[in-house]
PDB file of N, CA and C in Angstrom:
ATOM      1  N   MET A   1      -9.062   1.469  10.170  1.00  0.00           N
ATOM      2  CA  MET A   1      -9.768   1.525   8.903  1.00  0.00           C
ATOM      3  C   MET A   1      -9.813   2.962   8.396  1.00  0.00           C
ATOM      4  N   ALA A   2      -9.838   3.090   7.095  1.00  0.00           N
ATOM      5  CA  ALA A   2      -9.920   4.408   6.483  1.00  0.00           C
ATOM      6  C   ALA A   2     -11.321   4.968   6.642  1.00  0.00           C
ATOM      7  N   ASP A   3     -11.402   6.280   6.738  1.00  0.00           N
ATOM      8  CA  ASP A   3     -12.686   6.959   6.866  1.00  0.00           C
ATOM      9  C   ASP A   3     -13.119   7.411   5.483  1.00  0.00           C
ATOM     10  N   ASP A   4     -14.089   6.709   4.884  1.00  0.00           N
ATOM     11  CA  ASP A   4     -14.541   7.012   3.530  1.00  0.00           C
ATOM     12  C   ASP A   4     -15.279   8.336   3.429  1.00  0.00           C
ATOM     13  N   SER A   5     -15.606   8.968   4.567  1.00  0.00           N
ATOM     14  CA  SER A   5     -16.314  10.243   4.529  1.00  0.00           C
ATOM     15  C   SER A   5     -15.343  11.411   4.353  1.00  0.00           C
ATOM     16  N   LEU A   6     -14.047  11.161   4.392  1.00  0.00           N
ATOM     17  CA  LEU A   6     -13.060  12.221   4.225  1.00  0.00           C
ATOM     18  C   LEU A   6     -13.053  12.713   2.783  1.00  0.00           C
ATOM     19  N   ALA A   7     -12.546  13.923   2.596  1.00  0.00           N
ATOM     20  CA  ALA A   7     -12.358  14.427   1.241  1.00  0.00           C
ATOM     21  C   ALA A   7     -11.461  13.444   0.496  1.00  0.00           C
ATOM     22  N   PRO A   8     -11.704  13.225  -0.794  1.00  0.00           N
ATOM     23  CA  PRO A   8     -10.941  12.225  -1.538  1.00  0.00           C
ATOM     24  C   PRO A   8      -9.419  12.383  -1.438  1.00  0.00           C
ATOM     25  N   ALA A   9      -8.915  13.605  -1.543  1.00  0.00           N
ATOM     26  CA  ALA A   9      -7.466  13.802  -1.467  1.00  0.00           C
ATOM     27  C   ALA A   9      -6.933  13.437  -0.089  1.00  0.00           C
ATOM     28  N   THR A  10      -7.688  13.769   0.952  1.00  0.00           N
ATOM     29  CA  THR A  10      -7.282  13.430   2.317  1.00  0.00           C
ATOM     30  C   THR A  10      -7.319  11.926   2.523  1.00  0.00           C
ATOM     31  N   ALA A  11      -8.358  11.277   2.024  1.00  0.00           N
ATOM     32  CA  ALA A  11      -8.468   9.821   2.146  1.00  0.00           C
ATOM     33  C   ALA A  11      -7.318   9.139   1.414  1.00  0.00           C
ATOM     34  N   ALA A  12      -6.951   9.640   0.242  1.00  0.00           N
ATOM     35  CA  ALA A  12      -5.844   9.061  -0.517  1.00  0.00           C
ATOM     36  C   ALA A  12      -4.526   9.235   0.229  1.00  0.00           C
ATOM     37  N   GLN A  13      -4.309  10.398   0.816  1.00  0.00           N
ATOM     38  CA  GLN A  13      -3.076  10.639   1.567  1.00  0.00           C
ATOM     39  C   GLN A  13      -3.003   9.736   2.790  1.00  0.00           C
ATOM     40  N   GLN A  14      -4.127   9.585   3.484  1.00  0.00           N
ATOM     41  CA  GLN A  14      -4.148   8.709   4.656  1.00  0.00           C
ATOM     42  C   GLN A  14      -3.913   7.254   4.257  1.00  0.00           C
ATOM     43  N   ALA A  15      -4.461   6.836   3.126  1.00  0.00           N
ATOM     44  CA  ALA A  15      -4.244   5.470   2.645  1.00  0.00           C
ATOM     45  C   ALA A  15      -2.767   5.253   2.310  1.00  0.00           C
ATOM     46  N   ALA A  16      -2.141   6.227   1.667  1.00  0.00           N
ATOM     47  CA  ALA A  16      -0.714   6.125   1.349  1.00  0.00           C
ATOM     48  C   ALA A  16       0.117   6.049   2.627  1.00  0.00           C
ATOM     49  N   ASP A  17      -0.239   6.862   3.607  1.00  0.00           N
ATOM     50  CA  ASP A  17       0.479   6.852   4.885  1.00  0.00           C
ATOM     51  C   ASP A  17       0.322   5.512   5.596  1.00  0.00           C
ATOM     52  N   ARG A  18      -0.901   4.974   5.617  1.00  0.00           N
ATOM     53  CA  ARG A  18      -1.149   3.680   6.270  1.00  0.00           C
ATOM     54  C   ARG A  18      -0.375   2.567   5.583  1.00  0.00           C
ATOM     55  N   LEU A  19      -0.336   2.599   4.258  1.00  0.00           N
ATOM     56  CA  LEU A  19       0.404   1.587   3.516  1.00  0.00           C
ATOM     57  C   LEU A  19       1.897   1.688   3.815  1.00  0.00           C
ATOM     58  N   ALA A  20       2.427   2.894   3.840  1.00  0.00           N
ATOM     59  CA  ALA A  20       3.847   3.080   4.140  1.00  0.00           C
ATOM     60  C   ALA A  20       4.191   2.549   5.528  1.00  0.00           C
ATOM     61  N   VAL A  21       3.358   2.847   6.508  1.00  0.00           N
ATOM     62  CA  VAL A  21       3.600   2.365   7.872  1.00  0.00           C
ATOM     63  C   VAL A  21       3.538   0.838   7.916  1.00  0.00           C
ATOM     64  N   ALA A  22       2.535   0.257   7.273  1.00  0.00           N
ATOM     65  CA  ALA A  22       2.401  -1.204   7.273  1.00  0.00           C
ATOM     66  C   ALA A  22       3.611  -1.864   6.613  1.00  0.00           C
ATOM     67  N   LEU A  23       4.073  -1.310   5.512  1.00  0.00           N
ATOM     68  CA  LEU A  23       5.248  -1.866   4.839  1.00  0.00           C
ATOM     69  C   LEU A  23       6.491  -1.747   5.715  1.00  0.00           C
ATOM     70  N   GLU A  24       6.646  -0.613   6.390  1.00  0.00           N
ATOM     71  CA  GLU A  24       7.773  -0.438   7.320  1.00  0.00           C
ATOM     72  C   GLU A  24       7.696  -1.455   8.450  1.00  0.00           C
ATOM     73  N   GLU A  25       6.503  -1.628   9.023  1.00  0.00           N
ATOM     74  CA  GLU A  25       6.337  -2.575  10.127  1.00  0.00           C
ATOM     75  C   GLU A  25       6.591  -4.010   9.680  1.00  0.00           C
ATOM     76  N   ALA A  26       6.372  -4.289   8.399  1.00  0.00           N
ATOM     77  CA  ALA A  26       6.629  -5.624   7.860  1.00  0.00           C
ATOM     78  C   ALA A  26       8.112  -5.847   7.574  1.00  0.00           C
ATOM     79  N   GLY A  27       8.899  -4.775   7.638  1.00  0.00           N
ATOM     80  CA  GLY A  27      10.339  -4.912   7.455  1.00  0.00           C
ATOM     81  C   GLY A  27      10.920  -4.261   6.218  1.00  0.00           C
ATOM     82  N   PHE A  28      10.084  -3.619   5.415  1.00  0.00           N
ATOM     83  CA  PHE A  28      10.587  -2.943   4.223  1.00  0.00           C
ATOM     84  C   PHE A  28      11.141  -1.571   4.584  1.00  0.00           C
ATOM     85  N   ASP A  29      12.180  -1.145   3.878  1.00  0.00           N
ATOM     86  CA  ASP A  29      12.660   0.230   3.958  1.00  0.00           C
ATOM     87  C   ASP A  29      11.900   0.980   2.863  1.00  0.00           C
ATOM     88  N   VAL A  30      10.793   1.587   3.236  1.00  0.00           N
ATOM     89  CA  VAL A  30       9.884   2.183   2.253  1.00  0.00           C
ATOM     90  C   VAL A  30      10.575   3.256   1.422  1.00  0.00           C
ATOM     91  N   GLY A  31      11.427   4.052   2.042  1.00  0.00           N
ATOM     92  CA  GLY A  31      12.121   5.109   1.313  1.00  0.00           C
ATOM     93  C   GLY A  31      13.016   4.583   0.205  1.00  0.00           C
ATOM     94  N   THR A  32      13.469   3.347   0.357  1.00  0.00           N
ATOM     95  CA  THR A  32      14.323   2.727  -0.649  1.00  0.00           C
ATOM     96  C   THR A  32      13.531   1.800  -1.562  1.00  0.00           C
ATOM     97  N   ALA A  33      12.713   0.940  -0.967  1.00  0.00           N
ATOM     98  CA  ALA A  33      12.008  -0.092  -1.729  1.00  0.00           C
ATOM     99  C   ALA A  33      10.806   0.445  -2.500  1.00  0.00           C
ATOM    100  N   PHE A  34      10.151   1.448  -1.951  1.00  0.00           N
ATOM    101  CA  PHE A  34       8.936   2.004  -2.564  1.00  0.00           C
ATOM    102  C   PHE A  34       9.107   3.516  -2.713  1.00  0.00           C
ATOM    103  N   GLN A  35      10.105   3.905  -3.474  1.00  0.00           N
ATOM    104  CA  GLN A  35      10.456   5.321  -3.594  1.00  0.00           C
ATOM    105  C   GLN A  35       9.337   6.184  -4.156  1.00  0.00           C
ATOM    106  N   ASP A  36       8.456   5.600  -4.956  1.00  0.00           N
ATOM    107  CA  ASP A  36       7.392   6.375  -5.601  1.00  0.00           C
ATOM    108  C   ASP A  36       6.060   6.299  -4.868  1.00  0.00           C
ATOM    109  N   LEU A  37       6.030   5.684  -3.675  1.00  0.00           N
ATOM    110  CA  LEU A  37       4.766   5.536  -2.949  1.00  0.00           C
ATOM    111  C   LEU A  37       4.267   6.916  -2.510  1.00  0.00           C
ATOM    112  N   ARG A  38       3.070   7.257  -2.967  1.00  0.00           N
ATOM    113  CA  ARG A  38       2.468   8.553  -2.613  1.00  0.00           C
ATOM    114  C   ARG A  38       1.003   8.548  -3.035  1.00  0.00           C
ATOM    115  N   SER A  39       0.266   9.492  -2.514  1.00  0.00           N
ATOM    116  CA  SER A  39      -1.111   9.646  -2.980  1.00  0.00           C
ATOM    117  C   SER A  39      -1.055  10.315  -4.350  1.00  0.00           C
ATOM    118  N   GLY A  40      -2.096  10.103  -5.129  1.00  0.00           N
ATOM    119  CA  GLY A  40      -2.118  10.679  -6.466  1.00  0.00           C
ATOM    120  C   GLY A  40      -3.490  10.545  -7.092  1.00  0.00           C
ATOM    121  N   TRP A  41      -3.540  10.747  -8.381  1.00  0.00           N
ATOM    122  CA  TRP A  41      -4.788  10.718  -9.140  1.00  0.00           C
ATOM    123  C   TRP A  41      -4.583   9.826 -10.346  1.00  0.00           C
ATOM    124  N   ASP A  42      -5.613   9.058 -10.705  1.00  0.00           N
ATOM    125  CA  ASP A  42      -5.485   8.227 -11.902  1.00  0.00           C
ATOM    126  C   ASP A  42      -5.903   9.030 -13.131  1.00  0.00           C
ATOM    127  N   SER A  43      -5.863   8.395 -14.295  1.00  0.00           N
ATOM    128  CA  SER A  43      -6.139   9.110 -15.545  1.00  0.00           C
ATOM    129  C   SER A  43      -7.567   9.629 -15.640  1.00  0.00           C
ATOM    130  N   SER A  44      -8.483   9.059 -14.846  1.00  0.00           N
ATOM    131  CA  SER A  44      -9.865   9.544 -14.856  1.00  0.00           C
ATOM    132  C   SER A  44     -10.102  10.607 -13.788  1.00  0.00           C
ATOM    133  N   GLY A  45      -9.067  10.921 -13.014  1.00  0.00           N
ATOM    134  CA  GLY A  45      -9.196  11.940 -11.980  1.00  0.00           C
ATOM    135  C   GLY A  45      -9.590  11.411 -10.618  1.00  0.00           C
ATOM    136  N   ALA A  46      -9.626  10.090 -10.463  1.00  0.00           N
ATOM    137  CA  ALA A  46      -9.977   9.497  -9.168  1.00  0.00           C
ATOM    138  C   ALA A  46      -8.745   9.461  -8.263  1.00  0.00           C
ATOM    139  N   PRO A  47      -8.930   9.796  -6.981  1.00  0.00           N
ATOM    140  CA  PRO A  47      -7.796   9.752  -6.058  1.00  0.00           C
ATOM    141  C   PRO A  47      -7.403   8.311  -5.750  1.00  0.00           C
ATOM    142  N   GLY A  48      -6.151   8.123  -5.444  1.00  0.00           N
ATOM    143  CA  GLY A  48      -5.679   6.789  -5.101  1.00  0.00           C
ATOM    144  C   GLY A  48      -4.269   6.846  -4.562  1.00  0.00           C
ATOM    145  N   VAL A  49      -3.615   5.708  -4.578  1.00  0.00           N
ATOM    146  CA  VAL A  49      -2.246   5.599  -4.084  1.00  0.00           C
ATOM    147  C   VAL A  49      -1.378   5.050  -5.205  1.00  0.00           C
ATOM    148  N   ARG A  50      -0.307   5.737  -5.478  1.00  0.00           N
ATOM    149  CA  ARG A  50       0.668   5.281  -6.471  1.00  0.00           C
ATOM    150  C   ARG A  50       1.771   4.540  -5.725  1.00  0.00           C
ATOM    151  N   ILE A  51       2.041   3.325  -6.166  1.00  0.00           N
ATOM    152  CA  ILE A  51       3.070   2.520  -5.519  1.00  0.00           C
ATOM    153  C   ILE A  51       4.374   2.589  -6.307  1.00  0.00           C
ATOM    154  N   GLY A  52       4.294   2.666  -7.611  1.00  0.00           N
ATOM    155  CA  GLY A  52       5.484   2.765  -8.441  1.00  0.00           C
ATOM    156  C   GLY A  52       6.143   1.425  -8.694  1.00  0.00           C
ATOM    157  N   ALA A  53       7.194   1.453  -9.474  1.00  0.00           N
ATOM    158  CA  ALA A  53       7.946   0.242  -9.804  1.00  0.00           C
ATOM    159  C   ALA A  53       8.809  -0.168  -8.618  1.00  0.00           C
ATOM    160  N   VAL A  54       8.960  -1.477  -8.451  1.00  0.00           N
ATOM    161  CA  VAL A  54       9.826  -2.010  -7.400  1.00  0.00           C
ATOM    162  C   VAL A  54      10.784  -3.013  -8.033  1.00  0.00           C
ATOM    163  N   THR A  55      11.867  -3.300  -7.341  1.00  0.00           N
ATOM    164  CA  THR A  55      12.824  -4.282  -7.841  1.00  0.00           C
ATOM    165  C   THR A  55      12.232  -5.685  -7.744  1.00  0.00           C
ATOM    166  N   CYS A  56      12.849  -6.613  -8.451  1.00  0.00           N
ATOM    167  CA  CYS A  56      12.414  -8.017  -8.368  1.00  0.00           C
ATOM    168  C   CYS A  56      12.537  -8.536  -6.942  1.00  0.00           C
ATOM    169  N   THR A  57      13.579  -8.140  -6.246  1.00  0.00           N
ATOM    170  CA  THR A  57      13.772  -8.579  -4.862  1.00  0.00           C
ATOM    171  C   THR A  57      12.631  -8.094  -3.980  1.00  0.00           C
ATOM    172  N   VAL A  58      12.256  -6.833  -4.123  1.00  0.00           N
ATOM    173  CA  VAL A  58      11.155  -6.286  -3.326  1.00  0.00           C
ATOM    174  C   VAL A  58       9.858  -6.998  -3.682  1.00  0.00           C
ATOM    175  N   ALA A  59       9.608  -7.214  -4.964  1.00  0.00           N
ATOM    176  CA  ALA A  59       8.385  -7.916  -5.381  1.00  0.00           C
ATOM    177  C   ALA A  59       8.347  -9.329  -4.808  1.00  0.00           C
ATOM    178  N   ASN A  60       9.467 -10.030  -4.849  1.00  0.00           N
ATOM    179  CA  ASN A  60       9.520 -11.379  -4.287  1.00  0.00           C
ATOM    180  C   ASN A  60       9.317 -11.361  -2.776  1.00  0.00           C
ATOM    181  N   ASP A  61       9.917 -10.391  -2.089  1.00  0.00           N
ATOM    182  CA  ASP A  61       9.728 -10.279  -0.637  1.00  0.00           C
ATOM    183  C   ASP A  61       8.271  -9.977  -0.294  1.00  0.00           C
ATOM    184  N   LEU A  62       7.648  -9.086  -1.052  1.00  0.00           N
ATOM    185  CA  LEU A  62       6.244  -8.757  -0.818  1.00  0.00           C
ATOM    186  C   LEU A  62       5.358  -9.965  -1.103  1.00  0.00           C
ATOM    187  N   ALA A  63       5.649 -10.689  -2.168  1.00  0.00           N
ATOM    188  CA  ALA A  63       4.883 -11.899  -2.484  1.00  0.00           C
ATOM    189  C   ALA A  63       5.028 -12.939  -1.376  1.00  0.00           C
ATOM    190  N   ALA A  64       6.233 -13.103  -0.847  1.00  0.00           N
ATOM    191  CA  ALA A  64       6.455 -14.059   0.245  1.00  0.00           C
ATOM    192  C   ALA A  64       5.687 -13.642   1.493  1.00  0.00           C
ATOM    193  N   LEU A  65       5.677 -12.346   1.787  1.00  0.00           N
ATOM    194  CA  LEU A  65       4.937 -11.841   2.944  1.00  0.00           C
ATOM    195  C   LEU A  65       3.443 -12.102   2.787  1.00  0.00           C
ATOM    196  N   LEU A  66       2.902 -11.797   1.620  1.00  0.00           N
ATOM    197  CA  LEU A  66       1.474 -12.017   1.375  1.00  0.00           C
ATOM    198  C   LEU A  66       1.128 -13.502   1.392  1.00  0.00           C
ATOM    199  N   THR A  67       1.995 -14.325   0.824  1.00  0.00           N
ATOM    200  CA  THR A  67       1.766 -15.769   0.839  1.00  0.00           C
ATOM    201  C   THR A  67       1.738 -16.292   2.267  1.00  0.00           C
ATOM    202  N   SER A  68       2.662 -15.830   3.094  1.00  0.00           N
ATOM    203  CA  SER A  68       2.682 -16.242   4.507  1.00  0.00           C
ATOM    204  C   SER A  68       1.410 -15.808   5.223  1.00  0.00           C
ATOM    205  N   ALA A  69       0.946 -14.603   4.929  1.00  0.00           N
ATOM    206  CA  ALA A  69      -0.290 -14.119   5.551  1.00  0.00           C
ATOM    207  C   ALA A  69      -1.473 -14.982   5.126  1.00  0.00           C
ATOM    208  N   ILE A  70      -1.538 -15.310   3.850  1.00  0.00           N
ATOM    209  CA  ILE A  70      -2.629 -16.155   3.345  1.00  0.00           C
ATOM    210  C   ILE A  70      -2.585 -17.527   4.004  1.00  0.00           C
ATOM    211  N   GLU A  71      -1.392 -18.099   4.095  1.00  0.00           N
ATOM    212  CA  GLU A  71      -1.242 -19.414   4.724  1.00  0.00           C
ATOM    213  C   GLU A  71      -1.637 -19.385   6.198  1.00  0.00           C
ATOM    214  N   ALA A  72      -1.520 -18.211   6.822  1.00  0.00           N
ATOM    215  CA  ALA A  72      -1.920 -18.047   8.224  1.00  0.00           C
ATOM    216  C   ALA A  72      -3.407 -17.722   8.353  1.00  0.00           C
ATOM    217  N   GLY A  73      -4.111 -17.661   7.211  1.00  0.00           N
ATOM    218  CA  GLY A  73      -5.547 -17.408   7.235  1.00  0.00           C
ATOM    219  C   GLY A  73      -5.939 -15.948   7.160  1.00  0.00           C
ATOM    220  N   VAL A  74      -4.979 -15.072   6.870  1.00  0.00           N
ATOM    221  CA  VAL A  74      -5.266 -13.642   6.771  1.00  0.00           C
ATOM    222  C   VAL A  74      -5.680 -13.328   5.338  1.00  0.00           C
ATOM    223  N   THR A  75      -6.878 -12.796   5.173  1.00  0.00           N
ATOM    224  CA  THR A  75      -7.370 -12.376   3.865  1.00  0.00           C
ATOM    225  C   THR A  75      -8.113 -11.058   4.029  1.00  0.00           C
ATOM    226  N   LEU A  76      -8.454 -10.451   2.923  1.00  0.00           N
ATOM    227  CA  LEU A  76      -9.224  -9.208   2.973  1.00  0.00           C
ATOM    228  C   LEU A  76     -10.618  -9.489   3.518  1.00  0.00           C
ATOM    229  N   PRO A  77     -11.144  -8.573   4.325  1.00  0.00           N
ATOM    230  CA  PRO A  77     -12.520  -8.760   4.792  1.00  0.00           C
ATOM    231  C   PRO A  77     -13.486  -8.616   3.620  1.00  0.00           C
ATOM    232  N   ARG A  78     -14.479  -9.425   3.588  1.00  0.00           N
ATOM    233  CA  ARG A  78     -15.503  -9.353   2.536  1.00  0.00           C
ATOM    234  C   ARG A  78     -16.592  -8.391   2.991  1.00  0.00           C
ATOM    235  N   THR A  79     -16.945  -7.483   2.101  1.00  0.00           N
ATOM    236  CA  THR A  79     -18.003  -6.519   2.453  1.00  0.00           C
ATOM    237  C   THR A  79     -19.253  -6.791   1.672  1.00  0.00           C
TER     238      THR A  79
END
């Protein structure tokens, strides 16, 4: 889990890193499929993760992966 007590820029970088690792472990070539994945700032100055545009194939593969996870009962934890 991410540590929300970290400085915002550090938390954003760690979130981007965790997402990249998870995508790689799921079988994506992150350097190719998610070329723009990085930490960044939104228009209001809030830190976050930029994923960027992906191809239709990557979007379909990601949708299939998420659908399989949902069908297996994996969902976001409710807080």
